[in-house]
N, C-alpha and C. Protein backbone atom coordinates (compact mmCIF):
# COMPACT_ATOMS: atom_id res chain seq x y z
N MET A 1 -1.58 0.38 3.71
CA MET A 1 -0.62 0.99 4.59
C MET A 1 -1.33 1.33 5.90
N LYS A 2 -0.72 0.97 7.00
CA LYS A 2 -1.28 1.34 8.29
C LYS A 2 -1.16 2.85 8.48
N GLN A 3 -2.11 3.40 9.20
CA GLN A 3 -2.13 4.83 9.49
C GLN A 3 -0.80 5.26 10.09
N GLY A 4 -0.21 6.34 9.55
CA GLY A 4 1.01 6.91 10.09
C GLY A 4 2.30 6.20 9.71
N CYS A 5 2.24 5.22 8.83
CA CYS A 5 3.44 4.44 8.47
C CYS A 5 4.02 4.80 7.10
N ASP A 6 3.42 5.77 6.41
CA ASP A 6 3.87 6.10 5.06
C ASP A 6 5.35 6.48 5.00
N LYS A 7 5.79 7.39 5.86
CA LYS A 7 7.18 7.84 5.82
C LYS A 7 8.15 6.69 6.03
N GLN A 8 7.86 5.85 6.99
CA GLN A 8 8.74 4.72 7.28
C GLN A 8 8.78 3.76 6.09
N TYR A 9 7.62 3.51 5.47
CA TYR A 9 7.56 2.63 4.31
C TYR A 9 8.33 3.22 3.13
N LEU A 10 8.09 4.49 2.84
CA LEU A 10 8.79 5.13 1.72
C LEU A 10 10.29 5.15 1.94
N GLY A 11 10.72 5.35 3.17
CA GLY A 11 12.15 5.30 3.48
C GLY A 11 12.74 3.92 3.21
N ALA A 12 12.00 2.89 3.58
CA ALA A 12 12.48 1.52 3.34
C ALA A 12 12.54 1.21 1.86
N VAL A 13 11.57 1.69 1.09
CA VAL A 13 11.58 1.46 -0.36
C VAL A 13 12.75 2.20 -1.00
N GLU A 14 12.99 3.43 -0.59
CA GLU A 14 14.10 4.21 -1.15
C GLU A 14 15.45 3.60 -0.81
N ALA A 15 15.58 3.02 0.37
CA ALA A 15 16.85 2.44 0.81
C ALA A 15 17.12 1.07 0.21
N TRP A 16 16.08 0.39 -0.26
CA TRP A 16 16.23 -0.97 -0.79
C TRP A 16 17.07 -0.95 -2.05
N VAL A 17 18.03 -1.84 -2.12
CA VAL A 17 18.90 -1.96 -3.29
C VAL A 17 18.21 -2.89 -4.29
N SER A 18 18.07 -2.42 -5.52
CA SER A 18 17.41 -3.23 -6.56
C SER A 18 18.18 -4.51 -6.80
N PRO A 19 17.48 -5.63 -6.92
CA PRO A 19 18.14 -6.90 -7.23
C PRO A 19 18.74 -6.88 -8.63
N LYS A 20 19.71 -7.74 -8.85
CA LYS A 20 20.34 -7.88 -10.16
C LYS A 20 19.26 -8.18 -11.20
N GLY A 21 19.30 -7.47 -12.32
CA GLY A 21 18.34 -7.69 -13.39
C GLY A 21 17.16 -6.75 -13.38
N MET A 22 16.95 -6.01 -12.27
CA MET A 22 15.86 -5.04 -12.22
C MET A 22 16.36 -3.75 -12.87
N ARG A 23 15.80 -3.40 -14.01
CA ARG A 23 16.25 -2.23 -14.76
C ARG A 23 15.69 -0.93 -14.20
N GLU A 24 14.40 -0.93 -13.92
CA GLU A 24 13.73 0.27 -13.43
C GLU A 24 12.69 -0.15 -12.41
N ARG A 25 12.39 0.76 -11.49
CA ARG A 25 11.31 0.49 -10.54
C ARG A 25 10.57 1.79 -10.26
N TYR A 26 9.28 1.64 -10.06
CA TYR A 26 8.39 2.77 -9.85
C TYR A 26 7.47 2.45 -8.68
N LEU A 27 7.13 3.48 -7.93
CA LEU A 27 6.15 3.34 -6.87
C LEU A 27 5.10 4.41 -7.08
N ALA A 28 3.87 4.00 -7.34
CA ALA A 28 2.77 4.94 -7.56
C ALA A 28 1.86 4.96 -6.34
N ARG A 29 1.47 6.14 -5.95
CA ARG A 29 0.48 6.27 -4.87
C ARG A 29 -0.89 6.14 -5.52
N THR A 30 -1.65 5.14 -5.12
CA THR A 30 -2.93 4.85 -5.76
C THR A 30 -4.13 5.17 -4.87
N GLY A 31 -3.88 5.64 -3.68
CA GLY A 31 -4.94 5.99 -2.75
C GLY A 31 -4.35 6.69 -1.55
N GLU A 32 -5.19 7.01 -0.58
CA GLU A 32 -4.72 7.73 0.61
C GLU A 32 -3.58 7.01 1.30
N ARG A 33 -3.70 5.69 1.43
CA ARG A 33 -2.64 4.89 2.06
C ARG A 33 -2.39 3.63 1.23
N ALA A 34 -2.39 3.80 -0.09
CA ALA A 34 -2.22 2.65 -0.98
C ALA A 34 -1.16 2.96 -2.04
N TYR A 35 -0.34 1.97 -2.35
CA TYR A 35 0.74 2.12 -3.31
C TYR A 35 0.78 0.93 -4.25
N CYS A 36 1.33 1.16 -5.45
CA CYS A 36 1.53 0.10 -6.43
C CYS A 36 2.98 0.15 -6.87
N PHE A 37 3.69 -0.95 -6.71
CA PHE A 37 5.10 -1.06 -7.10
C PHE A 37 5.17 -1.76 -8.44
N VAL A 38 5.91 -1.16 -9.39
CA VAL A 38 6.11 -1.74 -10.72
C VAL A 38 7.60 -1.77 -11.00
N ALA A 39 8.08 -2.89 -11.52
CA ALA A 39 9.50 -3.01 -11.87
C ALA A 39 9.62 -3.57 -13.28
N LEU A 40 10.64 -3.12 -13.97
CA LEU A 40 10.98 -3.66 -15.29
C LEU A 40 12.25 -4.49 -15.14
N TRP A 41 12.25 -5.65 -15.76
CA TRP A 41 13.33 -6.62 -15.59
C TRP A 41 14.03 -6.91 -16.90
N ASP A 42 15.30 -7.31 -16.80
CA ASP A 42 16.06 -7.73 -17.98
C ASP A 42 15.44 -8.96 -18.62
N SER A 43 14.91 -9.85 -17.78
CA SER A 43 14.35 -11.11 -18.29
C SER A 43 13.43 -11.71 -17.24
N GLN A 44 12.62 -12.66 -17.68
CA GLN A 44 11.76 -13.41 -16.76
C GLN A 44 12.62 -14.17 -15.75
N GLU A 45 13.76 -14.66 -16.20
CA GLU A 45 14.67 -15.40 -15.32
C GLU A 45 15.21 -14.50 -14.20
N SER A 46 15.50 -13.24 -14.53
CA SER A 46 15.97 -12.29 -13.51
C SER A 46 14.91 -12.07 -12.44
N LEU A 47 13.67 -11.96 -12.88
CA LEU A 47 12.56 -11.79 -11.94
C LEU A 47 12.45 -12.99 -11.02
N VAL A 48 12.47 -14.18 -11.58
CA VAL A 48 12.35 -15.40 -10.79
C VAL A 48 13.51 -15.50 -9.79
N ALA A 49 14.72 -15.20 -10.25
CA ALA A 49 15.89 -15.28 -9.38
C ALA A 49 15.83 -14.28 -8.23
N ALA A 50 15.16 -13.15 -8.44
CA ALA A 50 15.10 -12.09 -7.42
C ALA A 50 13.96 -12.27 -6.42
N ARG A 51 13.09 -13.22 -6.65
CA ARG A 51 11.94 -13.38 -5.74
C ARG A 51 12.32 -13.52 -4.28
N PRO A 52 13.34 -14.32 -3.93
CA PRO A 52 13.71 -14.40 -2.51
C PRO A 52 14.09 -13.04 -1.91
N LEU A 53 14.79 -12.20 -2.67
CA LEU A 53 15.16 -10.87 -2.18
C LEU A 53 13.94 -9.97 -2.05
N MET A 54 12.99 -10.10 -2.97
CA MET A 54 11.77 -9.30 -2.88
C MET A 54 10.93 -9.74 -1.69
N ILE A 55 10.87 -11.03 -1.43
CA ILE A 55 10.14 -11.53 -0.26
C ILE A 55 10.81 -11.05 1.02
N GLU A 56 12.14 -11.06 1.04
CA GLU A 56 12.88 -10.57 2.20
C GLU A 56 12.55 -9.10 2.45
N HIS A 57 12.51 -8.30 1.39
CA HIS A 57 12.16 -6.88 1.52
C HIS A 57 10.72 -6.73 2.04
N LEU A 58 9.81 -7.48 1.46
CA LEU A 58 8.42 -7.44 1.92
C LEU A 58 8.33 -7.78 3.40
N ASN A 59 9.03 -8.80 3.82
CA ASN A 59 9.01 -9.19 5.23
C ASN A 59 9.53 -8.07 6.13
N SER A 60 10.46 -7.26 5.62
CA SER A 60 11.02 -6.17 6.42
C SER A 60 10.03 -5.01 6.61
N VAL A 61 9.02 -4.90 5.74
CA VAL A 61 8.04 -3.82 5.86
C VAL A 61 6.63 -4.34 6.16
N ARG A 62 6.49 -5.63 6.30
CA ARG A 62 5.17 -6.26 6.48
C ARG A 62 4.38 -5.63 7.63
N ASP A 63 5.05 -5.30 8.73
CA ASP A 63 4.36 -4.73 9.90
C ASP A 63 3.77 -3.35 9.63
N LEU A 64 4.20 -2.70 8.54
CA LEU A 64 3.70 -1.38 8.19
C LEU A 64 2.45 -1.44 7.32
N LEU A 65 2.15 -2.62 6.79
CA LEU A 65 1.09 -2.78 5.80
C LEU A 65 -0.19 -3.33 6.42
N GLU A 66 -1.31 -2.89 5.89
CA GLU A 66 -2.61 -3.42 6.31
C GLU A 66 -2.95 -4.66 5.50
N GLU A 67 -3.61 -5.59 6.13
CA GLU A 67 -4.06 -6.78 5.42
C GLU A 67 -5.15 -6.39 4.42
N LEU A 68 -4.99 -6.81 3.17
CA LEU A 68 -5.99 -6.54 2.14
C LEU A 68 -7.19 -7.45 2.32
N SER A 69 -6.91 -8.73 2.60
CA SER A 69 -7.95 -9.72 2.87
C SER A 69 -7.26 -10.94 3.46
N PRO A 70 -8.01 -11.83 4.10
CA PRO A 70 -7.40 -13.05 4.63
C PRO A 70 -6.76 -13.91 3.52
N GLU A 71 -7.34 -13.87 2.32
CA GLU A 71 -6.80 -14.66 1.22
C GLU A 71 -5.51 -14.06 0.66
N LEU A 72 -5.46 -12.73 0.52
CA LEU A 72 -4.31 -12.06 -0.10
C LEU A 72 -3.20 -11.74 0.90
N GLY A 73 -3.54 -11.46 2.11
CA GLY A 73 -2.55 -10.97 3.06
C GLY A 73 -2.34 -9.48 2.83
N VAL A 74 -1.08 -9.02 2.78
CA VAL A 74 -0.79 -7.58 2.67
C VAL A 74 -0.45 -7.15 1.25
N THR A 75 -0.39 -8.09 0.30
CA THR A 75 -0.08 -7.73 -1.09
C THR A 75 -1.00 -8.47 -2.05
N ASP A 76 -1.05 -7.96 -3.27
CA ASP A 76 -1.78 -8.61 -4.36
C ASP A 76 -0.83 -8.70 -5.55
N PRO A 77 0.17 -9.59 -5.48
CA PRO A 77 1.23 -9.60 -6.49
C PRO A 77 0.77 -10.18 -7.83
N VAL A 78 1.26 -9.56 -8.89
CA VAL A 78 1.04 -10.04 -10.25
C VAL A 78 2.32 -9.79 -11.04
N SER A 79 2.51 -10.51 -12.13
CA SER A 79 3.62 -10.24 -13.03
C SER A 79 3.19 -10.62 -14.44
N GLY A 80 3.88 -10.06 -15.41
CA GLY A 80 3.56 -10.35 -16.80
C GLY A 80 4.52 -9.65 -17.72
N LEU A 81 4.36 -9.90 -18.99
CA LEU A 81 5.22 -9.31 -20.00
C LEU A 81 4.65 -7.98 -20.47
N VAL A 82 5.52 -7.02 -20.77
CA VAL A 82 5.09 -5.74 -21.33
C VAL A 82 4.58 -6.00 -22.74
N VAL A 83 3.36 -5.56 -23.03
CA VAL A 83 2.77 -5.79 -24.35
C VAL A 83 2.62 -4.50 -25.16
N HIS A 84 2.86 -3.34 -24.52
CA HIS A 84 2.78 -2.07 -25.25
C HIS A 84 3.60 -1.03 -24.51
N THR A 85 4.32 -0.23 -25.24
CA THR A 85 5.09 0.85 -24.63
C THR A 85 5.13 2.04 -25.58
N VAL A 86 5.14 3.23 -25.02
CA VAL A 86 5.28 4.47 -25.77
C VAL A 86 6.29 5.32 -25.03
N LYS A 87 7.28 5.83 -25.71
CA LYS A 87 8.26 6.73 -25.08
C LYS A 87 8.09 8.11 -25.69
N GLY A 88 8.18 9.12 -24.80
CA GLY A 88 8.14 10.49 -25.28
C GLY A 88 6.80 11.12 -25.32
């Protein structure tokens, strides 16, 4: 996150409408100006179908983000299946 852009970024994340199939979403602050976004999906297909909308959202906030590296750009995206969960 670029210096002084946290409020604008958080506002954009809060205003973003979750794509179809996204059940839950979380944003964790992982450092002074670093965040990690996690979403739970109905299916792998829902995730794949929503990628264009997620890229569109990323493009709308890209100017607020610092480049992580020339190879990664401003994000380090990963996805996978939930292999363990505990409730309560």
